[in-house]
Amino acid sequence: MPFFLIPLLINLIIGIALQALGYLLMPKSKSEKTDEVTDMDSPTAEGGRPIPVVFGEMEVTGVNIVWFGDKATTTRKIKA
């Protein structure tokens, strides 16, 4: 009877070891969230609010957002 449990225990130990190895080899986060990303933690959605149209650089506060995807910021440099 105990001979049936030995393969089960071996598979269980191998599985736990592989999960621990995968956790240790997992890539670490390079940086924390920036201020721009954490600023949008609690968006609001109200009807009738105007939608700002921005040309150039400008700080827009009180944004009316219904949904947005992955929170990230990108910086692009262009030659003009």
PDB file of N, CA and C in Angstrom:
ATOM      1  N   MET A   1       0.809  -1.205   0.000  1.00  0.00           N
ATOM      2  CA  MET A   1       0.000   0.000   0.000  1.00  0.00           C
ATOM      3  C   MET A   1       0.850   1.265   0.000  1.00  0.00           C
ATOM      4  N   PRO A   2       1.917   1.395   0.787  1.00  0.00           N
ATOM      5  CA  PRO A   2       2.699   2.635   0.753  1.00  0.00           C
ATOM      6  C   PRO A   2       3.449   2.814  -0.555  1.00  0.00           C
ATOM      7  N   PHE A   3       3.583   1.749  -1.371  1.00  0.00           N
ATOM      8  CA  PHE A   3       4.290   1.873  -2.641  1.00  0.00           C
ATOM      9  C   PHE A   3       3.505   2.715  -3.648  1.00  0.00           C
ATOM     10  N   PHE A   4       2.202   2.861  -3.461  1.00  0.00           N
ATOM     11  CA  PHE A   4       1.397   3.688  -4.352  1.00  0.00           C
ATOM     12  C   PHE A   4       1.560   5.180  -4.028  1.00  0.00           C
ATOM     13  N   LEU A   5       1.956   5.489  -2.810  1.00  0.00           N
ATOM     14  CA  LEU A   5       2.119   6.886  -2.407  1.00  0.00           C
ATOM     15  C   LEU A   5       3.481   7.456  -2.801  1.00  0.00           C
ATOM     16  N   ILE A   6       4.475   6.603  -3.003  1.00  0.00           N
ATOM     17  CA  ILE A   6       5.825   7.076  -3.314  1.00  0.00           C
ATOM     18  C   ILE A   6       5.867   7.863  -4.628  1.00  0.00           C
ATOM     19  N   PRO A   7       5.286   7.377  -5.747  1.00  0.00           N
ATOM     20  CA  PRO A   7       5.306   8.202  -6.978  1.00  0.00           C
ATOM     21  C   PRO A   7       4.550   9.520  -6.820  1.00  0.00           C
ATOM     22  N   LEU A   8       3.468   9.510  -6.056  1.00  0.00           N
ATOM     23  CA  LEU A   8       2.705  10.735  -5.814  1.00  0.00           C
ATOM     24  C   LEU A   8       3.555  11.745  -5.046  1.00  0.00           C
ATOM     25  N   LEU A   9       4.254  11.313  -4.021  1.00  0.00           N
ATOM     26  CA  LEU A   9       5.092  12.212  -3.243  1.00  0.00           C
ATOM     27  C   LEU A   9       6.263  12.730  -4.065  1.00  0.00           C
ATOM     28  N   ILE A  10       6.849  11.879  -4.910  1.00  0.00           N
ATOM     29  CA  ILE A  10       7.958  12.317  -5.768  1.00  0.00           C
ATOM     30  C   ILE A  10       7.480  13.397  -6.737  1.00  0.00           C
ATOM     31  N   ASN A  11       6.312  13.202  -7.361  1.00  0.00           N
ATOM     32  CA  ASN A  11       5.757  14.211  -8.268  1.00  0.00           C
ATOM     33  C   ASN A  11       5.422  15.501  -7.529  1.00  0.00           C
ATOM     34  N   LEU A  12       4.924  15.385  -6.316  1.00  0.00           N
ATOM     35  CA  LEU A  12       4.598  16.565  -5.527  1.00  0.00           C
ATOM     36  C   LEU A  12       5.859  17.363  -5.180  1.00  0.00           C
ATOM     37  N   ILE A  13       6.912  16.680  -4.791  1.00  0.00           N
ATOM     38  CA  ILE A  13       8.170  17.353  -4.446  1.00  0.00           C
ATOM     39  C   ILE A  13       8.789  18.011  -5.686  1.00  0.00           C
ATOM     40  N   ILE A  14       8.753  17.323  -6.821  1.00  0.00           N
ATOM     41  CA  ILE A  14       9.283  17.895  -8.062  1.00  0.00           C
ATOM     42  C   ILE A  14       8.478  19.131  -8.464  1.00  0.00           C
ATOM     43  N   GLY A  15       7.156  19.066  -8.344  1.00  0.00           N
ATOM     44  CA  GLY A  15       6.307  20.206  -8.691  1.00  0.00           C
ATOM     45  C   GLY A  15       6.576  21.417  -7.821  1.00  0.00           C
ATOM     46  N   ILE A  16       6.717  21.201  -6.520  1.00  0.00           N
ATOM     47  CA  ILE A  16       6.995  22.316  -5.607  1.00  0.00           C
ATOM     48  C   ILE A  16       8.369  22.909  -5.893  1.00  0.00           C
ATOM     49  N   ALA A  17       9.354  22.055  -6.181  1.00  0.00           N
ATOM     50  CA  ALA A  17      10.697  22.551  -6.488  1.00  0.00           C
ATOM     51  C   ALA A  17      10.705  23.365  -7.777  1.00  0.00           C
ATOM     52  N   LEU A  18       9.961  22.929  -8.797  1.00  0.00           N
ATOM     53  CA  LEU A  18       9.916  23.681 -10.050  1.00  0.00           C
ATOM     54  C   LEU A  18       9.201  25.020  -9.881  1.00  0.00           C
ATOM     55  N   GLN A  19       8.162  25.061  -9.057  1.00  0.00           N
ATOM     56  CA  GLN A  19       7.485  26.338  -8.813  1.00  0.00           C
ATOM     57  C   GLN A  19       8.389  27.303  -8.061  1.00  0.00           C
ATOM     58  N   ALA A  20       9.153  26.802  -7.084  1.00  0.00           N
ATOM     59  CA  ALA A  20      10.082  27.656  -6.356  1.00  0.00           C
ATOM     60  C   ALA A  20      11.177  28.171  -7.287  1.00  0.00           C
ATOM     61  N   LEU A  21      11.679  27.315  -8.166  1.00  0.00           N
ATOM     62  CA  LEU A  21      12.702  27.734  -9.131  1.00  0.00           C
ATOM     63  C   LEU A  21      12.147  28.782 -10.089  1.00  0.00           C
ATOM     64  N   GLY A  22      10.925  28.599 -10.562  1.00  0.00           N
ATOM     65  CA  GLY A  22      10.299  29.583 -11.442  1.00  0.00           C
ATOM     66  C   GLY A  22      10.103  30.923 -10.755  1.00  0.00           C
ATOM     67  N   TYR A  23       9.750  30.911  -9.478  1.00  0.00           N
ATOM     68  CA  TYR A  23       9.593  32.160  -8.729  1.00  0.00           C
ATOM     69  C   TYR A  23      10.927  32.881  -8.575  1.00  0.00           C
ATOM     70  N   LEU A  24      11.994  32.109  -8.312  1.00  0.00           N
ATOM     71  CA  LEU A  24      13.306  32.727  -8.138  1.00  0.00           C
ATOM     72  C   LEU A  24      13.857  33.283  -9.446  1.00  0.00           C
ATOM     73  N   LEU A  25      13.510  32.682 -10.581  1.00  0.00           N
ATOM     74  CA  LEU A  25      14.009  33.138 -11.874  1.00  0.00           C
ATOM     75  C   LEU A  25      13.108  34.177 -12.539  1.00  0.00           C
ATOM     76  N   MET A  26      11.987  34.512 -11.905  1.00  0.00           N
ATOM     77  CA  MET A  26      11.050  35.471 -12.462  1.00  0.00           C
ATOM     78  C   MET A  26      11.703  36.849 -12.559  1.00  0.00           C
ATOM     79  N   PRO A  27      11.508  37.570 -13.687  1.00  0.00           N
ATOM     80  CA  PRO A  27      12.126  38.902 -13.804  1.00  0.00           C
ATOM     81  C   PRO A  27      11.521  39.878 -12.794  1.00  0.00           C
ATOM     82  N   LYS A  28      12.387  40.687 -12.217  1.00  0.00           N
ATOM     83  CA  LYS A  28      11.957  41.659 -11.221  1.00  0.00           C
ATOM     84  C   LYS A  28      11.507  42.948 -11.905  1.00  0.00           C
ATOM     85  N   SER A  29      10.649  43.688 -11.244  1.00  0.00           N
ATOM     86  CA  SER A  29      10.168  44.961 -11.764  1.00  0.00           C
ATOM     87  C   SER A  29      11.315  45.958 -11.797  1.00  0.00           C
ATOM     88  N   LYS A  30      11.454  46.687 -12.917  1.00  0.00           N
ATOM     89  CA  LYS A  30      12.571  47.621 -13.070  1.00  0.00           C
ATOM     90  C   LYS A  30      12.352  48.920 -12.312  1.00  0.00           C
ATOM     91  N   SER A  31      11.142  49.413 -12.285  1.00  0.00           N
ATOM     92  CA  SER A  31      10.906  50.682 -11.607  1.00  0.00           C
ATOM     93  C   SER A  31       9.498  50.699 -11.031  1.00  0.00           C
ATOM     94  N   GLU A  32       9.325  51.608 -10.096  1.00  0.00           N
ATOM     95  CA  GLU A  32       8.015  51.781  -9.510  1.00  0.00           C
ATOM     96  C   GLU A  32       7.171  52.676 -10.415  1.00  0.00           C
ATOM     97  N   LYS A  33       5.895  52.775 -10.106  1.00  0.00           N
ATOM     98  CA  LYS A  33       5.000  53.611 -10.903  1.00  0.00           C
ATOM     99  C   LYS A  33       5.380  55.079 -10.726  1.00  0.00           C
ATOM    100  N   THR A  34       5.326  55.825 -11.821  1.00  0.00           N
ATOM    101  CA  THR A  34       5.646  57.246 -11.770  1.00  0.00           C
ATOM    102  C   THR A  34       4.449  58.027 -11.242  1.00  0.00           C
ATOM    103  N   ASP A  35       4.674  59.309 -10.992  1.00  0.00           N
ATOM    104  CA  ASP A  35       3.601  60.158 -10.475  1.00  0.00           C
ATOM    105  C   ASP A  35       2.461  60.282 -11.481  1.00  0.00           C
ATOM    106  N   GLU A  36       2.787  60.297 -12.774  1.00  0.00           N
ATOM    107  CA  GLU A  36       1.744  60.434 -13.783  1.00  0.00           C
ATOM    108  C   GLU A  36       0.818  59.230 -13.780  1.00  0.00           C
ATOM    109  N   VAL A  37       1.362  58.068 -13.532  1.00  0.00           N
ATOM    110  CA  VAL A  37       0.549  56.854 -13.545  1.00  0.00           C
ATOM    111  C   VAL A  37      -0.294  56.762 -12.283  1.00  0.00           C
ATOM    112  N   THR A  38       0.271  57.087 -11.125  1.00  0.00           N
ATOM    113  CA  THR A  38      -0.488  57.002  -9.884  1.00  0.00           C
ATOM    114  C   THR A  38      -1.518  58.120  -9.775  1.00  0.00           C
ATOM    115  N   ASP A  39      -1.373  59.185 -10.567  1.00  0.00           N
ATOM    116  CA  ASP A  39      -2.341  60.275 -10.558  1.00  0.00           C
ATOM    117  C   ASP A  39      -3.699  59.805 -11.068  1.00  0.00           C
ATOM    118  N   MET A  40      -3.707  58.781 -11.902  1.00  0.00           N
ATOM    119  CA  MET A  40      -4.953  58.312 -12.506  1.00  0.00           C
ATOM    120  C   MET A  40      -5.508  57.090 -11.781  1.00  0.00           C
ATOM    121  N   ASP A  41      -5.215  56.934 -10.489  1.00  0.00           N
ATOM    122  CA  ASP A  41      -5.704  55.775  -9.752  1.00  0.00           C
ATOM    123  C   ASP A  41      -7.216  55.799  -9.568  1.00  0.00           C
ATOM    124  N   SER A  42      -7.808  56.975  -9.443  1.00  0.00           N
ATOM    125  CA  SER A  42      -9.254  57.043  -9.239  1.00  0.00           C
ATOM    126  C   SER A  42      -9.878  57.962 -10.290  1.00  0.00           C
ATOM    127  N   PRO A  43     -10.107  57.464 -11.495  1.00  0.00           N
ATOM    128  CA  PRO A  43     -10.711  58.296 -12.526  1.00  0.00           C
ATOM    129  C   PRO A  43     -12.201  58.503 -12.259  1.00  0.00           C
ATOM    130  N   THR A  44     -12.726  59.579 -12.817  1.00  0.00           N
ATOM    131  CA  THR A  44     -14.154  59.856 -12.679  1.00  0.00           C
ATOM    132  C   THR A  44     -14.814  59.761 -14.040  1.00  0.00           C
ATOM    133  N   ALA A  45     -16.086  59.467 -14.041  1.00  0.00           N
ATOM    134  CA  ALA A  45     -16.846  59.413 -15.289  1.00  0.00           C
ATOM    135  C   ALA A  45     -18.174  60.127 -15.049  1.00  0.00           C
ATOM    136  N   GLU A  46     -18.273  61.344 -15.560  1.00  0.00           N
ATOM    137  CA  GLU A  46     -19.488  62.135 -15.400  1.00  0.00           C
ATOM    138  C   GLU A  46     -19.967  62.584 -16.768  1.00  0.00           C
ATOM    139  N   GLY A  47     -21.254  62.569 -16.963  1.00  0.00           N
ATOM    140  CA  GLY A  47     -21.807  63.019 -18.224  1.00  0.00           C
ATOM    141  C   GLY A  47     -21.803  64.530 -18.322  1.00  0.00           C
ATOM    142  N   GLY A  48     -21.557  65.058 -19.512  1.00  0.00           N
ATOM    143  CA  GLY A  48     -21.607  66.492 -19.729  1.00  0.00           C
ATOM    144  C   GLY A  48     -20.314  67.236 -19.469  1.00  0.00           C
ATOM    145  N   ARG A  49     -19.283  66.575 -19.007  1.00  0.00           N
ATOM    146  CA  ARG A  49     -18.001  67.256 -18.802  1.00  0.00           C
ATOM    147  C   ARG A  49     -17.316  67.446 -20.138  1.00  0.00           C
ATOM    148  N   PRO A  50     -16.674  68.594 -20.353  1.00  0.00           N
ATOM    149  CA  PRO A  50     -15.983  68.824 -21.623  1.00  0.00           C
ATOM    150  C   PRO A  50     -14.748  67.948 -21.765  1.00  0.00           C
ATOM    151  N   ILE A  51     -14.422  67.613 -23.006  1.00  0.00           N
ATOM    152  CA  ILE A  51     -13.231  66.828 -23.303  1.00  0.00           C
ATOM    153  C   ILE A  51     -12.130  67.790 -23.717  1.00  0.00           C
ATOM    154  N   PRO A  52     -11.025  67.850 -22.966  1.00  0.00           N
ATOM    155  CA  PRO A  52      -9.954  68.783 -23.314  1.00  0.00           C
ATOM    156  C   PRO A  52      -9.179  68.305 -24.537  1.00  0.00           C
ATOM    157  N   VAL A  53      -8.845  69.244 -25.429  1.00  0.00           N
ATOM    158  CA  VAL A  53      -7.995  68.963 -26.584  1.00  0.00           C
ATOM    159  C   VAL A  53      -6.703  69.724 -26.355  1.00  0.00           C
ATOM    160  N   VAL A  54      -5.596  68.990 -26.282  1.00  0.00           N
ATOM    161  CA  VAL A  54      -4.319  69.587 -25.909  1.00  0.00           C
ATOM    162  C   VAL A  54      -3.407  69.638 -27.122  1.00  0.00           C
ATOM    163  N   PHE A  55      -2.822  70.824 -27.372  1.00  0.00           N
ATOM    164  CA  PHE A  55      -1.801  71.012 -28.394  1.00  0.00           C
ATOM    165  C   PHE A  55      -0.530  71.433 -27.674  1.00  0.00           C
ATOM    166  N   GLY A  56       0.534  70.651 -27.821  1.00  0.00           N
ATOM    167  CA  GLY A  56       1.779  70.955 -27.130  1.00  0.00           C
ATOM    168  C   GLY A  56       1.796  70.330 -25.749  1.00  0.00           C
ATOM    169  N   GLU A  57       2.512  70.959 -24.821  1.00  0.00           N
ATOM    170  CA  GLU A  57       2.611  70.446 -23.464  1.00  0.00           C
ATOM    171  C   GLU A  57       1.691  71.242 -22.559  1.00  0.00           C
ATOM    172  N   MET A  58       0.901  70.528 -21.798  1.00  0.00           N
ATOM    173  CA  MET A  58      -0.044  71.175 -20.897  1.00  0.00           C
ATOM    174  C   MET A  58      -0.465  70.164 -19.841  1.00  0.00           C
ATOM    175  N   GLU A  59      -0.663  70.613 -18.623  1.00  0.00           N
ATOM    176  CA  GLU A  59      -1.127  69.715 -17.569  1.00  0.00           C
ATOM    177  C   GLU A  59      -2.648  69.751 -17.534  1.00  0.00           C
ATOM    178  N   VAL A  60      -3.243  68.599 -17.716  1.00  0.00           N
ATOM    179  CA  VAL A  60      -4.698  68.484 -17.701  1.00  0.00           C
ATOM    180  C   VAL A  60      -5.095  67.850 -16.380  1.00  0.00           C
ATOM    181  N   THR A  61      -5.900  68.566 -15.593  1.00  0.00           N
ATOM    182  CA  THR A  61      -6.341  68.037 -14.305  1.00  0.00           C
ATOM    183  C   THR A  61      -7.820  67.715 -14.378  1.00  0.00           C
ATOM    184  N   GLY A  62      -8.259  66.818 -13.527  1.00  0.00           N
ATOM    185  CA  GLY A  62      -9.673  66.457 -13.483  1.00  0.00           C
ATOM    186  C   GLY A  62     -10.150  65.783 -14.750  1.00  0.00           C
ATOM    187  N   VAL A  63      -9.430  64.765 -15.186  1.00  0.00           N
ATOM    188  CA  VAL A  63      -9.752  64.099 -16.440  1.00  0.00           C
ATOM    189  C   VAL A  63     -11.001  63.240 -16.268  1.00  0.00           C
ATOM    190  N   ASN A  64     -11.865  63.234 -17.262  1.00  0.00           N
ATOM    191  CA  ASN A  64     -13.092  62.433 -17.268  1.00  0.00           C
ATOM    192  C   ASN A  64     -12.817  61.163 -18.072  1.00  0.00           C
ATOM    193  N   ILE A  65     -12.603  60.049 -17.383  1.00  0.00           N
ATOM    194  CA  ILE A  65     -12.227  58.803 -18.040  1.00  0.00           C
ATOM    195  C   ILE A  65     -13.221  57.720 -17.668  1.00  0.00           C
ATOM    196  N   VAL A  66     -13.684  56.993 -18.678  1.00  0.00           N
ATOM    197  CA  VAL A  66     -14.559  55.863 -18.423  1.00  0.00           C
ATOM    198  C   VAL A  66     -13.734  54.591 -18.260  1.00  0.00           C
ATOM    199  N   TRP A  67     -12.776  54.370 -19.149  1.00  0.00           N
ATOM    200  CA  TRP A  67     -11.922  53.181 -19.094  1.00  0.00           C
ATOM    201  C   TRP A  67     -10.604  53.481 -19.762  1.00  0.00           C
ATOM    202  N   PHE A  68      -9.554  52.901 -19.271  1.00  0.00           N
ATOM    203  CA  PHE A  68      -8.260  52.987 -19.940  1.00  0.00           C
ATOM    204  C   PHE A  68      -7.541  51.678 -19.699  1.00  0.00           C
ATOM    205  N   GLY A  69      -6.622  51.359 -20.596  1.00  0.00           N
ATOM    206  CA  GLY A  69      -5.908  50.090 -20.533  1.00  0.00           C
ATOM    207  C   GLY A  69      -4.768  50.137 -19.537  1.00  0.00           C
ATOM    208  N   ASP A  70      -3.667  49.561 -19.903  1.00  0.00           N
ATOM    209  CA  ASP A  70      -2.499  49.479 -19.043  1.00  0.00           C
ATOM    210  C   ASP A  70      -1.988  50.877 -18.727  1.00  0.00           C
ATOM    211  N   LYS A  71      -1.816  51.176 -17.452  1.00  0.00           N
ATOM    212  CA  LYS A  71      -1.349  52.492 -17.042  1.00  0.00           C
ATOM    213  C   LYS A  71       0.145  52.588 -17.293  1.00  0.00           C
ATOM    214  N   ALA A  72       0.542  53.420 -18.221  1.00  0.00           N
ATOM    215  CA  ALA A  72       1.967  53.600 -18.517  1.00  0.00           C
ATOM    216  C   ALA A  72       2.160  54.963 -19.158  1.00  0.00           C
ATOM    217  N   THR A  73       3.351  55.501 -18.990  1.00  0.00           N
ATOM    218  CA  THR A  73       3.703  56.747 -19.650  1.00  0.00           C
ATOM    219  C   THR A  73       4.905  56.496 -20.543  1.00  0.00           C
ATOM    220  N   THR A  74       4.973  57.234 -21.634  1.00  0.00           N
ATOM    221  CA  THR A  74       6.110  57.117 -22.528  1.00  0.00           C
ATOM    222  C   THR A  74       6.637  58.508 -22.824  1.00  0.00           C
ATOM    223  N   THR A  75       7.926  58.616 -22.987  1.00  0.00           N
ATOM    224  CA  THR A  75       8.564  59.879 -23.320  1.00  0.00           C
ATOM    225  C   THR A  75       9.206  59.712 -24.685  1.00  0.00           C
ATOM    226  N   ARG A  76       8.851  60.615 -25.597  1.00  0.00           N
ATOM    227  CA  ARG A  76       9.392  60.548 -26.933  1.00  0.00           C
ATOM    228  C   ARG A  76      10.107  61.863 -27.240  1.00  0.00           C
ATOM    229  N   LYS A  77      11.271  61.760 -27.868  1.00  0.00           N
ATOM    230  CA  LYS A  77      12.023  62.934 -28.288  1.00  0.00           C
ATOM    231  C   LYS A  77      12.022  62.972 -29.803  1.00  0.00           C
ATOM    232  N   ILE A  78      11.671  64.123 -30.354  1.00  0.00           N
ATOM    233  CA  ILE A  78      11.665  64.281 -31.808  1.00  0.00           C
ATOM    234  C   ILE A  78      12.502  65.491 -32.171  1.00  0.00           C
ATOM    235  N   LYS A  79      13.076  65.463 -33.335  1.00  0.00           N
ATOM    236  CA  LYS A  79      13.823  66.608 -33.836  1.00  0.00           C
ATOM    237  C   LYS A  79      12.895  67.428 -34.712  1.00  0.00           C
ATOM    238  N   ALA A  80      12.844  68.724 -34.432  1.00  0.00           N
ATOM    239  CA  ALA A  80      11.977  69.584 -35.224  1.00  0.00           C
ATOM    240  C   ALA A  80      12.783  70.588 -36.006  1.00  0.00           C
TER     241      ALA A  80
END
